[in-house]
Amino acid sequence: MTDSSGHAGSGDTSVPGVAVKPPKPRWSWLRVTGSVGPLGIATAVLWLSIIVLLPLAALTVSSFDDGWSGFWSAVTAPSALDSLKVTISVSVIVAFLNVVMGTLIAWVLVRDEFPGKSIVNALIDLPFALPTIVASIVLLALYGPNSPIDIHLNATQPGLVVALAFVTLPFVVRSVQPVLMEVDREVEQASLSLGASNWVTFRRVVLPILTPAIISGGGLAFARAIGEYGSVVLIGGNIPRETQMTSQYIQQQIEVDRPVNAAAVSVALLAISFVSLLVLRVLAERSARREEAAR
């Protein structure tokens, strides 16, 4: 409103020439944006709930059938803790091993040309298609008591490492390979032309770009290793406190009719896997942000 002289009254707070942003809707955080719309999002959430969330919820509820004290007793039982220690220690070794070797293999597949490269590239995905029990049979025939190469790894932790490294290798290779293919080769050439060695160029130029993919692949390899069963069931020997993986301990609890104990240890294993993946995802995102800021 204006007074008789034409000046703005005290109720008008707008400034001429300055755009005023409209207030945000009260429930703006509930707005759905994207190409699929609310129906597509609802379908995805429903499918995720049926396939993942509901089974996990049922498992969690079953693990507390004997109350919190029963859950804690099952998880902290000496045999359960021993299997968790073996599983986590072996899985950490496998993850680090595959981070190194998987990155090297991805580098060779992307940067080098050699006869049979397409065959090697296809073999990387073989553990995805091969039943893991078959891998255990093959490894037992190769490294078991009747080993044709006189290397006996059955019923030992190195045997577990070999079996788990076999089934988890593709996670690192397939995480690093596409990122390595997108690396700008001109930056590497500039570094080399300025006198940097190949190692310095890799460490200062290439490795920071690959770090998020390496962390992601290593995390997936670790998560797969701690839950693996088929590839270790024969080569491992299932010796308590030595080579018994947690997945084998869970099966043992089911066989002796202790399903609540099996569910409790399964939830503990699930929590370890989820927390490790969450932490590694955060580290990968931070590394990616630092790399973007450096550019």
C-alpha atoms as a PDB file:
ATOM      1  CA  MET A   1       0.000   0.000   0.000  1.00  0.00           C
ATOM      2  CA  THR A   2       1.052   3.614  -0.558  1.00  0.00           C
ATOM      3  CA  ASP A   3       0.214   6.818   1.256  1.00  0.00           C
ATOM      4  CA  SER A   4      -1.159   9.975  -0.340  1.00  0.00           C
ATOM      5  CA  SER A   5       2.346  11.038  -1.384  1.00  0.00           C
ATOM      6  CA  GLY A   6       2.851   7.778  -3.357  1.00  0.00           C
ATOM      7  CA  HIS A   7       5.596   6.324  -1.072  1.00  0.00           C
ATOM      8  CA  ALA A   8       5.528   2.732   0.046  1.00  0.00           C
ATOM      9  CA  GLY A   9       3.920   2.152   3.356  1.00  0.00           C
ATOM     10  CA  SER A  10       5.463   0.377   6.317  1.00  0.00           C
ATOM     11  CA  GLY A  11       3.839  -2.943   5.345  1.00  0.00           C
ATOM     12  CA  ASP A  12       5.763  -3.233   2.045  1.00  0.00           C
ATOM     13  CA  THR A  13       9.218  -4.788   2.606  1.00  0.00           C
ATOM     14  CA  SER A  14      10.118  -5.411  -1.033  1.00  0.00           C
ATOM     15  CA  VAL A  15      13.121  -3.669  -2.541  1.00  0.00           C
ATOM     16  CA  PRO A  16      12.728  -2.368  -6.101  1.00  0.00           C
ATOM     17  CA  GLY A  17      14.985  -4.170  -8.585  1.00  0.00           C
ATOM     18  CA  VAL A  18      15.776  -7.092  -6.259  1.00  0.00           C
ATOM     19  CA  ALA A  19      14.209 -10.473  -6.970  1.00  0.00           C
ATOM     20  CA  VAL A  20      12.570 -12.066  -3.972  1.00  0.00           C
ATOM     21  CA  LYS A  21      12.892 -15.872  -3.721  1.00  0.00           C
ATOM     22  CA  PRO A  22       9.596 -17.594  -3.070  1.00  0.00           C
ATOM     23  CA  PRO A  23       9.463 -19.502   0.212  1.00  0.00           C
ATOM     24  CA  LYS A  24      10.216 -23.221   0.023  1.00  0.00           C
ATOM     25  CA  PRO A  25       7.261 -25.554   0.289  1.00  0.00           C
ATOM     26  CA  ARG A  26       6.737 -26.936   3.757  1.00  0.00           C
ATOM     27  CA  TRP A  27       7.334 -30.561   2.728  1.00  0.00           C
ATOM     28  CA  SER A  28       9.928 -29.915   0.006  1.00  0.00           C
ATOM     29  CA  TRP A  29      12.079 -32.822   1.210  1.00  0.00           C
ATOM     30  CA  LEU A  30       9.275 -35.182   0.192  1.00  0.00           C
ATOM     31  CA  ARG A  31       9.218 -33.975  -3.405  1.00  0.00           C
ATOM     32  CA  VAL A  32      10.102 -36.639  -5.980  1.00  0.00           C
ATOM     33  CA  THR A  33      12.278 -35.654  -8.908  1.00  0.00           C
ATOM     34  CA  GLY A  34      13.775 -37.710 -11.725  1.00  0.00           C
ATOM     35  CA  SER A  35      12.722 -39.562 -14.832  1.00  0.00           C
ATOM     36  CA  VAL A  36      10.909 -42.572 -13.359  1.00  0.00           C
ATOM     37  CA  GLY A  37       8.528 -40.658 -11.107  1.00  0.00           C
ATOM     38  CA  PRO A  38       6.802 -41.799  -7.910  1.00  0.00           C
ATOM     39  CA  LEU A  39       5.571 -45.076  -9.435  1.00  0.00           C
ATOM     40  CA  GLY A  40       9.047 -46.147 -10.513  1.00  0.00           C
ATOM     41  CA  ILE A  41      10.530 -45.274  -7.130  1.00  0.00           C
ATOM     42  CA  ALA A  42       7.736 -47.115  -5.316  1.00  0.00           C
ATOM     43  CA  THR A  43       8.311 -50.213  -7.477  1.00  0.00           C
ATOM     44  CA  ALA A  44      12.042 -50.163  -6.789  1.00  0.00           C
ATOM     45  CA  VAL A  45      11.501 -49.743  -3.029  1.00  0.00           C
ATOM     46  CA  LEU A  46       8.910 -52.538  -2.986  1.00  0.00           C
ATOM     47  CA  TRP A  47      11.202 -54.934  -4.813  1.00  0.00           C
ATOM     48  CA  LEU A  48      14.141 -54.026  -2.570  1.00  0.00           C
ATOM     49  CA  SER A  49      11.956 -54.619   0.474  1.00  0.00           C
ATOM     50  CA  ILE A  50      10.796 -58.043  -0.705  1.00  0.00           C
ATOM     51  CA  ILE A  51      14.224 -59.255  -1.785  1.00  0.00           C
ATOM     52  CA  VAL A  52      16.478 -57.655   0.859  1.00  0.00           C
ATOM     53  CA  LEU A  53      14.807 -55.781   3.706  1.00  0.00           C
ATOM     54  CA  LEU A  54      12.114 -58.278   4.714  1.00  0.00           C
ATOM     55  CA  PRO A  55      14.461 -61.309   4.838  1.00  0.00           C
ATOM     56  CA  LEU A  56      16.991 -59.312   6.853  1.00  0.00           C
ATOM     57  CA  ALA A  57      14.277 -58.126   9.209  1.00  0.00           C
ATOM     58  CA  ALA A  58      13.036 -61.697   9.677  1.00  0.00           C
ATOM     59  CA  LEU A  59      16.594 -62.873  10.381  1.00  0.00           C
ATOM     60  CA  THR A  60      17.106 -60.109  12.938  1.00  0.00           C
ATOM     61  CA  VAL A  61      13.842 -60.890  14.712  1.00  0.00           C
ATOM     62  CA  SER A  62      14.712 -64.596  14.822  1.00  0.00           C
ATOM     63  CA  SER A  63      18.103 -63.843  16.344  1.00  0.00           C
ATOM     64  CA  PHE A  64      16.397 -62.269  19.380  1.00  0.00           C
ATOM     65  CA  ASP A  65      13.982 -65.127  20.091  1.00  0.00           C
ATOM     66  CA  ASP A  66      15.877 -65.807  23.322  1.00  0.00           C
ATOM     67  CA  GLY A  67      16.135 -62.123  24.202  1.00  0.00           C
ATOM     68  CA  TRP A  68      19.152 -59.842  24.261  1.00  0.00           C
ATOM     69  CA  SER A  69      21.009 -62.077  26.695  1.00  0.00           C
ATOM     70  CA  GLY A  70      20.533 -65.083  24.424  1.00  0.00           C
ATOM     71  CA  PHE A  71      21.710 -63.083  21.421  1.00  0.00           C
ATOM     72  CA  TRP A  72      24.806 -61.851  23.234  1.00  0.00           C
ATOM     73  CA  SER A  73      25.615 -65.321  24.563  1.00  0.00           C
ATOM     74  CA  ALA A  74      25.384 -66.804  21.062  1.00  0.00           C
ATOM     75  CA  VAL A  75      27.588 -64.130  19.509  1.00  0.00           C
ATOM     76  CA  THR A  76      30.213 -64.141  22.273  1.00  0.00           C
ATOM     77  CA  ALA A  77      30.475 -67.924  22.605  1.00  0.00           C
ATOM     78  CA  PRO A  78      34.164 -68.937  22.368  1.00  0.00           C
ATOM     79  CA  SER A  79      33.607 -71.052  19.252  1.00  0.00           C
ATOM     80  CA  ALA A  80      31.687 -68.220  17.550  1.00  0.00           C
ATOM     81  CA  LEU A  81      34.392 -65.667  18.381  1.00  0.00           C
ATOM     82  CA  ASP A  82      37.090 -68.029  17.116  1.00  0.00           C
ATOM     83  CA  SER A  83      35.303 -68.450  13.792  1.00  0.00           C
ATOM     84  CA  LEU A  84      34.847 -64.675  13.498  1.00  0.00           C
ATOM     85  CA  LYS A  85      38.542 -64.087  14.182  1.00  0.00           C
ATOM     86  CA  VAL A  86      39.557 -66.593  11.506  1.00  0.00           C
ATOM     87  CA  THR A  87      37.049 -65.182   9.024  1.00  0.00           C
ATOM     88  CA  ILE A  88      37.965 -61.523   9.518  1.00  0.00           C
ATOM     89  CA  SER A  89      41.733 -62.082   9.534  1.00  0.00           C
ATOM     90  CA  VAL A  90      41.686 -64.213   6.399  1.00  0.00           C
ATOM     91  CA  SER A  91      39.284 -61.827   4.643  1.00  0.00           C
ATOM     92  CA  VAL A  92      41.492 -58.813   5.402  1.00  0.00           C
ATOM     93  CA  ILE A  93      44.508 -60.625   3.938  1.00  0.00           C
ATOM     94  CA  VAL A  94      42.509 -61.578   0.850  1.00  0.00           C
ATOM     95  CA  ALA A  95      41.235 -58.015   0.383  1.00  0.00           C
ATOM     96  CA  PHE A  96      44.745 -56.531   0.526  1.00  0.00           C
ATOM     97  CA  LEU A  97      46.103 -59.245  -1.764  1.00  0.00           C
ATOM     98  CA  ASN A  98      43.410 -58.653  -4.342  1.00  0.00           C
ATOM     99  CA  VAL A  99      43.778 -54.864  -4.115  1.00  0.00           C
ATOM    100  CA  VAL A 100      47.387 -55.231  -5.226  1.00  0.00           C
ATOM    101  CA  MET A 101      47.006 -58.036  -7.744  1.00  0.00           C
ATOM    102  CA  GLY A 102      43.627 -56.878  -9.023  1.00  0.00           C
ATOM    103  CA  THR A 103      44.961 -53.391  -9.725  1.00  0.00           C
ATOM    104  CA  LEU A 104      47.977 -54.885 -11.489  1.00  0.00           C
ATOM    105  CA  ILE A 105      45.800 -57.158 -13.627  1.00  0.00           C
ATOM    106  CA  ALA A 106      43.475 -54.271 -14.496  1.00  0.00           C
ATOM    107  CA  TRP A 107      46.511 -52.207 -15.530  1.00  0.00           C
ATOM    108  CA  VAL A 108      47.796 -55.002 -17.773  1.00  0.00           C
ATOM    109  CA  LEU A 109      44.397 -55.511 -19.396  1.00  0.00           C
ATOM    110  CA  VAL A 110      43.982 -51.796 -20.122  1.00  0.00           C
ATOM    111  CA  ARG A 111      47.496 -50.663 -20.980  1.00  0.00           C
ATOM    112  CA  ASP A 112      49.158 -53.721 -22.560  1.00  0.00           C
ATOM    113  CA  GLU A 113      48.500 -55.704 -25.706  1.00  0.00           C
ATOM    114  CA  PHE A 114      49.391 -59.401 -25.888  1.00  0.00           C
ATOM    115  CA  PRO A 115      48.139 -62.597 -27.558  1.00  0.00           C
ATOM    116  CA  GLY A 116      45.120 -64.063 -25.795  1.00  0.00           C
ATOM    117  CA  LYS A 117      44.181 -60.819 -24.060  1.00  0.00           C
ATOM    118  CA  SER A 118      40.474 -61.304 -24.779  1.00  0.00           C
ATOM    119  CA  ILE A 119      40.614 -64.798 -23.272  1.00  0.00           C
ATOM    120  CA  VAL A 120      42.296 -63.506 -20.121  1.00  0.00           C
ATOM    121  CA  ASN A 121      39.725 -60.722 -19.905  1.00  0.00           C
ATOM    122  CA  ALA A 122      36.932 -63.284 -20.092  1.00  0.00           C
ATOM    123  CA  LEU A 123      38.563 -65.525 -17.489  1.00  0.00           C
ATOM    124  CA  ILE A 124      38.398 -62.707 -14.942  1.00  0.00           C
ATOM    125  CA  ASP A 125      34.623 -63.118 -14.791  1.00  0.00           C
ATOM    126  CA  LEU A 126      34.771 -66.902 -14.456  1.00  0.00           C
ATOM    127  CA  PRO A 127      34.385 -66.896 -10.636  1.00  0.00           C
ATOM    128  CA  PHE A 128      31.102 -65.027 -11.105  1.00  0.00           C
ATOM    129  CA  ALA A 129      29.673 -67.833 -13.245  1.00  0.00           C
ATOM    130  CA  LEU A 130      31.393 -70.852 -11.710  1.00  0.00           C
ATOM    131  CA  PRO A 131      29.650 -72.493  -8.724  1.00  0.00           C
ATOM    132  CA  THR A 132      31.914 -71.901  -5.761  1.00  0.00           C
ATOM    133  CA  ILE A 133      31.749 -75.536  -4.691  1.00  0.00           C
ATOM    134  CA  VAL A 134      33.382 -76.402  -8.017  1.00  0.00           C
ATOM    135  CA  ALA A 135      36.215 -74.042  -7.158  1.00  0.00           C
ATOM    136  CA  SER A 136      36.653 -75.853  -3.845  1.00  0.00           C
ATOM    137  CA  ILE A 137      36.808 -79.230  -5.619  1.00  0.00           C
ATOM    138  CA  VAL A 138      39.378 -77.933  -8.111  1.00  0.00           C
ATOM    139  CA  LEU A 139      41.523 -76.386  -5.388  1.00  0.00           C
ATOM    140  CA  LEU A 140      41.349 -79.550  -3.310  1.00  0.00           C
ATOM    141  CA  ALA A 141      42.485 -81.615  -6.299  1.00  0.00           C
ATOM    142  CA  LEU A 142      45.349 -79.184  -6.942  1.00  0.00           C
ATOM    143  CA  TYR A 143      46.465 -78.454  -3.375  1.00  0.00           C
ATOM    144  CA  GLY A 144      45.013 -81.378  -1.428  1.00  0.00           C
ATOM    145  CA  PRO A 145      46.655 -84.538  -0.057  1.00  0.00           C
ATOM    146  CA  ASN A 146      47.188 -85.912  -3.580  1.00  0.00           C
ATOM    147  CA  SER A 147      48.476 -82.672  -5.053  1.00  0.00           C
ATOM    148  CA  PRO A 148      50.090 -83.235  -8.463  1.00  0.00           C
ATOM    149  CA  ILE A 149      52.445 -80.310  -7.814  1.00  0.00           C
ATOM    150  CA  ASP A 150      53.282 -81.433  -4.261  1.00  0.00           C
ATOM    151  CA  ILE A 151      51.807 -78.325  -2.610  1.00  0.00           C
ATOM    152  CA  HIS A 152      49.468 -79.219   0.249  1.00  0.00           C
ATOM    153  CA  LEU A 153      47.233 -76.394   1.455  1.00  0.00           C
ATOM    154  CA  ASN A 154      44.128 -78.305   2.530  1.00  0.00           C
ATOM    155  CA  ALA A 155      42.959 -77.628   6.097  1.00  0.00           C
ATOM    156  CA  THR A 156      45.246 -74.582   6.375  1.00  0.00           C
ATOM    157  CA  GLN A 157      44.642 -70.850   6.428  1.00  0.00           C
ATOM    158  CA  PRO A 158      46.771 -70.324   3.288  1.00  0.00           C
ATOM    159  CA  GLY A 159      44.328 -72.670   1.577  1.00  0.00           C
ATOM    160  CA  LEU A 160      41.482 -70.410   2.692  1.00  0.00           C
ATOM    161  CA  VAL A 161      43.340 -67.391   1.326  1.00  0.00           C
ATOM    162  CA  VAL A 162      43.812 -69.041  -2.077  1.00  0.00           C
ATOM    163  CA  ALA A 163      40.156 -70.087  -2.275  1.00  0.00           C
ATOM    164  CA  LEU A 164      38.823 -66.668  -1.265  1.00  0.00           C
ATOM    165  CA  ALA A 165      41.272 -64.837  -3.518  1.00  0.00           C
ATOM    166  CA  PHE A 166      39.924 -66.849  -6.439  1.00  0.00           C
ATOM    167  CA  VAL A 167      36.275 -65.917  -5.877  1.00  0.00           C
ATOM    168  CA  THR A 168      36.890 -62.248  -4.975  1.00  0.00           C
ATOM    169  CA  LEU A 169      39.449 -61.222  -7.610  1.00  0.00           C
ATOM    170  CA  PRO A 170      36.863 -59.965 -10.164  1.00  0.00           C
ATOM    171  CA  PHE A 171      35.488 -57.378  -7.735  1.00  0.00           C
ATOM    172  CA  VAL A 172      38.727 -55.385  -7.713  1.00  0.00           C
ATOM    173  CA  VAL A 173      39.577 -55.867 -11.384  1.00  0.00           C
ATOM    174  CA  ARG A 174      36.136 -54.830 -12.609  1.00  0.00           C
ATOM    175  CA  SER A 175      36.058 -51.843 -10.257  1.00  0.00           C
ATOM    176  CA  VAL A 176      39.449 -50.478 -11.312  1.00  0.00           C
ATOM    177  CA  GLN A 177      39.412 -51.355 -15.016  1.00  0.00           C
ATOM    178  CA  PRO A 178      36.753 -48.883 -16.255  1.00  0.00           C
ATOM    179  CA  VAL A 179      38.251 -46.030 -14.227  1.00  0.00           C
ATOM    180  CA  LEU A 180      41.708 -46.762 -15.597  1.00  0.00           C
ATOM    181  CA  MET A 181      40.297 -46.684 -19.119  1.00  0.00           C
ATOM    182  CA  GLU A 182      39.056 -43.122 -18.527  1.00  0.00           C
ATOM    183  CA  VAL A 183      42.349 -41.778 -17.151  1.00  0.00           C
ATOM    184  CA  ASP A 184      43.719 -38.932 -19.257  1.00  0.00           C
ATOM    185  CA  ARG A 185      46.948 -40.234 -20.784  1.00  0.00           C
ATOM    186  CA  GLU A 186      48.099 -36.693 -21.616  1.00  0.00           C
ATOM    187  CA  VAL A 187      48.539 -35.913 -17.922  1.00  0.00           C
ATOM    188  CA  GLU A 188      50.779 -38.940 -17.560  1.00  0.00           C
ATOM    189  CA  GLN A 189      52.781 -37.958 -20.618  1.00  0.00           C
ATOM    190  CA  ALA A 190      53.208 -34.445 -19.215  1.00  0.00           C
ATOM    191  CA  SER A 191      54.500 -35.868 -15.943  1.00  0.00           C
ATOM    192  CA  LEU A 192      56.980 -38.114 -17.751  1.00  0.00           C
ATOM    193  CA  SER A 193      58.132 -35.268 -19.978  1.00  0.00           C
ATOM    194  CA  LEU A 194      58.896 -33.195 -16.886  1.00  0.00           C
ATOM    195  CA  GLY A 195      61.338 -35.844 -15.707  1.00  0.00           C
ATOM    196  CA  ALA A 196      59.186 -37.898 -13.347  1.00  0.00           C
ATOM    197  CA  SER A 197      59.789 -41.634 -13.298  1.00  0.00           C
ATOM    198  CA  ASN A 198      57.102 -44.182 -14.111  1.00  0.00           C
ATOM    199  CA  TRP A 199      56.642 -44.988 -10.421  1.00  0.00           C
ATOM    200  CA  VAL A 200      56.351 -41.325  -9.409  1.00  0.00           C
ATOM    201  CA  THR A 201      53.870 -40.721 -12.225  1.00  0.00           C
ATOM    202  CA  PHE A 202      51.770 -43.667 -11.114  1.00  0.00           C
ATOM    203  CA  ARG A 203      51.889 -42.671  -7.448  1.00  0.00           C
ATOM    204  CA  ARG A 204      51.273 -38.942  -7.932  1.00  0.00           C
ATOM    205  CA  VAL A 205      49.013 -38.892 -11.003  1.00  0.00           C
ATOM    206  CA  VAL A 206      47.267 -42.211 -11.587  1.00  0.00           C
ATOM    207  CA  LEU A 207      46.874 -43.665  -8.092  1.00  0.00           C
ATOM    208  CA  PRO A 208      44.832 -40.751  -6.653  1.00  0.00           C
ATOM    209  CA  ILE A 209      42.353 -41.188  -9.504  1.00  0.00           C
ATOM    210  CA  LEU A 210      42.132 -44.951  -8.967  1.00  0.00           C
ATOM    211  CA  THR A 211      41.908 -44.806  -5.173  1.00  0.00           C
ATOM    212  CA  PRO A 212      38.081 -44.592  -4.896  1.00  0.00           C
ATOM    213  CA  ALA A 213      37.678 -47.568  -7.264  1.00  0.00           C
ATOM    214  CA  ILE A 214      40.381 -49.541  -5.433  1.00  0.00           C
ATOM    215  CA  ILE A 215      38.725 -48.896  -2.073  1.00  0.00           C
ATOM    216  CA  SER A 216      35.332 -49.868  -3.459  1.00  0.00           C
ATOM    217  CA  GLY A 217      36.643 -53.066  -5.043  1.00  0.00           C
ATOM    218  CA  GLY A 218      38.588 -53.999  -1.919  1.00  0.00           C
ATOM    219  CA  GLY A 219      35.502 -53.456   0.223  1.00  0.00           C
ATOM    220  CA  LEU A 220      33.382 -55.675  -2.011  1.00  0.00           C
ATOM    221  CA  ALA A 221      36.080 -58.355  -1.952  1.00  0.00           C
ATOM    222  CA  PHE A 222      36.209 -58.225   1.856  1.00  0.00           C
ATOM    223  CA  ALA A 223      32.422 -58.392   2.200  1.00  0.00           C
ATOM    224  CA  ARG A 224      32.229 -61.346  -0.176  1.00  0.00           C
ATOM    225  CA  ALA A 225      35.075 -63.147   1.606  1.00  0.00           C
ATOM    226  CA  ILE A 226      33.579 -62.984   5.101  1.00  0.00           C
ATOM    227  CA  GLY A 227      30.345 -64.530   3.852  1.00  0.00           C
ATOM    228  CA  GLU A 228      31.825 -67.147   1.515  1.00  0.00           C
ATOM    229  CA  TYR A 229      30.982 -70.797   2.039  1.00  0.00           C
ATOM    230  CA  GLY A 230      31.186 -72.920  -1.102  1.00  0.00           C
ATOM    231  CA  SER A 231      34.810 -72.316  -2.058  1.00  0.00           C
ATOM    232  CA  VAL A 232      36.161 -73.055   1.437  1.00  0.00           C
ATOM    233  CA  VAL A 233      33.960 -75.963   2.454  1.00  0.00           C
ATOM    234  CA  LEU A 234      36.393 -78.625   1.153  1.00  0.00           C
ATOM    235  CA  ILE A 235      39.801 -76.962   1.001  1.00  0.00           C
ATOM    236  CA  GLY A 236      39.409 -75.388   4.472  1.00  0.00           C
ATOM    237  CA  GLY A 237      38.795 -78.537   6.465  1.00  0.00           C
ATOM    238  CA  ASN A 238      36.393 -76.815   8.907  1.00  0.00           C
ATOM    239  CA  ILE A 239      38.774 -77.158  11.863  1.00  0.00           C
ATOM    240  CA  PRO A 240      37.518 -75.148  14.884  1.00  0.00           C
ATOM    241  CA  ARG A 241      39.787 -72.280  15.959  1.00  0.00           C
ATOM    242  CA  GLU A 242      42.026 -72.857  12.918  1.00  0.00           C
ATOM    243  CA  THR A 243      40.196 -72.963   9.587  1.00  0.00           C
ATOM    244  CA  GLN A 244      36.510 -72.857  10.501  1.00  0.00           C
ATOM    245  CA  MET A 245      34.877 -69.910   8.767  1.00  0.00           C
ATOM    246  CA  THR A 246      31.832 -68.251  10.301  1.00  0.00           C
ATOM    247  CA  SER A 247      29.614 -69.491   7.469  1.00  0.00           C
ATOM    248  CA  GLN A 248      30.630 -73.057   8.360  1.00  0.00           C
ATOM    249  CA  TYR A 249      30.001 -72.374  12.043  1.00  0.00           C
ATOM    250  CA  ILE A 250      26.502 -71.134  11.197  1.00  0.00           C
ATOM    251  CA  GLN A 251      25.775 -74.315   9.262  1.00  0.00           C
ATOM    252  CA  GLN A 252      27.071 -76.329  12.220  1.00  0.00           C
ATOM    253  CA  GLN A 253      24.661 -74.546  14.557  1.00  0.00           C
ATOM    254  CA  ILE A 254      21.765 -75.375  12.249  1.00  0.00           C
ATOM    255  CA  GLU A 255      22.804 -79.039  12.093  1.00  0.00           C
ATOM    256  CA  VAL A 256      22.783 -79.311  15.909  1.00  0.00           C
ATOM    257  CA  ASP A 257      19.336 -77.656  16.022  1.00  0.00           C
ATOM    258  CA  ARG A 258      20.356 -74.232  17.300  1.00  0.00           C
ATOM    259  CA  PRO A 259      18.704 -71.948  14.736  1.00  0.00           C
ATOM    260  CA  VAL A 260      18.587 -68.967  17.108  1.00  0.00           C
ATOM    261  CA  ASN A 261      22.352 -69.138  17.623  1.00  0.00           C
ATOM    262  CA  ALA A 262      22.844 -69.423  13.872  1.00  0.00           C
ATOM    263  CA  ALA A 263      20.626 -66.378  13.289  1.00  0.00           C
ATOM    264  CA  ALA A 264      22.456 -64.361  15.959  1.00  0.00           C
ATOM    265  CA  VAL A 265      25.897 -65.048  14.479  1.00  0.00           C
ATOM    266  CA  SER A 266      24.499 -64.321  11.006  1.00  0.00           C
ATOM    267  CA  VAL A 267      23.301 -60.904  12.173  1.00  0.00           C
ATOM    268  CA  ALA A 268      26.732 -60.195  13.691  1.00  0.00           C
ATOM    269  CA  LEU A 269      28.397 -61.148  10.417  1.00  0.00           C
ATOM    270  CA  LEU A 270      25.926 -58.993   8.512  1.00  0.00           C
ATOM    271  CA  ALA A 271      26.654 -56.022  10.779  1.00  0.00           C
ATOM    272  CA  ILE A 272      30.405 -56.392  10.259  1.00  0.00           C
ATOM    273  CA  SER A 273      29.943 -56.517   6.503  1.00  0.00           C
ATOM    274  CA  PHE A 274      27.581 -53.525   6.449  1.00  0.00           C
ATOM    275  CA  VAL A 275      29.786 -51.348   8.659  1.00  0.00           C
ATOM    276  CA  SER A 276      32.908 -52.185   6.647  1.00  0.00           C
ATOM    277  CA  LEU A 277      31.178 -51.348   3.364  1.00  0.00           C
ATOM    278  CA  LEU A 278      29.763 -48.123   4.812  1.00  0.00           C
ATOM    279  CA  VAL A 279      33.159 -46.980   6.102  1.00  0.00           C
ATOM    280  CA  LEU A 280      34.882 -47.821   2.826  1.00  0.00           C
ATOM    281  CA  ARG A 281      32.150 -46.049   0.855  1.00  0.00           C
ATOM    282  CA  VAL A 282      32.676 -42.896   2.924  1.00  0.00           C
ATOM    283  CA  LEU A 283      36.448 -43.111   2.414  1.00  0.00           C
ATOM    284  CA  ALA A 284      35.988 -43.593  -1.335  1.00  0.00           C
ATOM    285  CA  GLU A 285      33.655 -40.598  -1.591  1.00  0.00           C
ATOM    286  CA  ARG A 286      36.070 -38.403   0.364  1.00  0.00           C
ATOM    287  CA  SER A 287      38.929 -39.493  -1.854  1.00  0.00           C
ATOM    288  CA  ALA A 288      36.866 -38.719  -4.948  1.00  0.00           C
ATOM    289  CA  ARG A 289      35.979 -35.256  -3.614  1.00  0.00           C
ATOM    290  CA  ARG A 290      39.624 -34.506  -2.874  1.00  0.00           C
ATOM    291  CA  GLU A 291      40.560 -35.560  -6.381  1.00  0.00           C
ATOM    292  CA  GLU A 292      37.866 -33.329  -7.873  1.00  0.00           C
ATOM    293  CA  ALA A 293      39.033 -30.399  -5.731  1.00  0.00           C
ATOM    294  CA  ALA A 294      42.640 -30.954  -6.814  1.00  0.00           C
ATOM    295  CA  ARG A 295      41.591 -30.632 -10.438  1.00  0.00           C
END
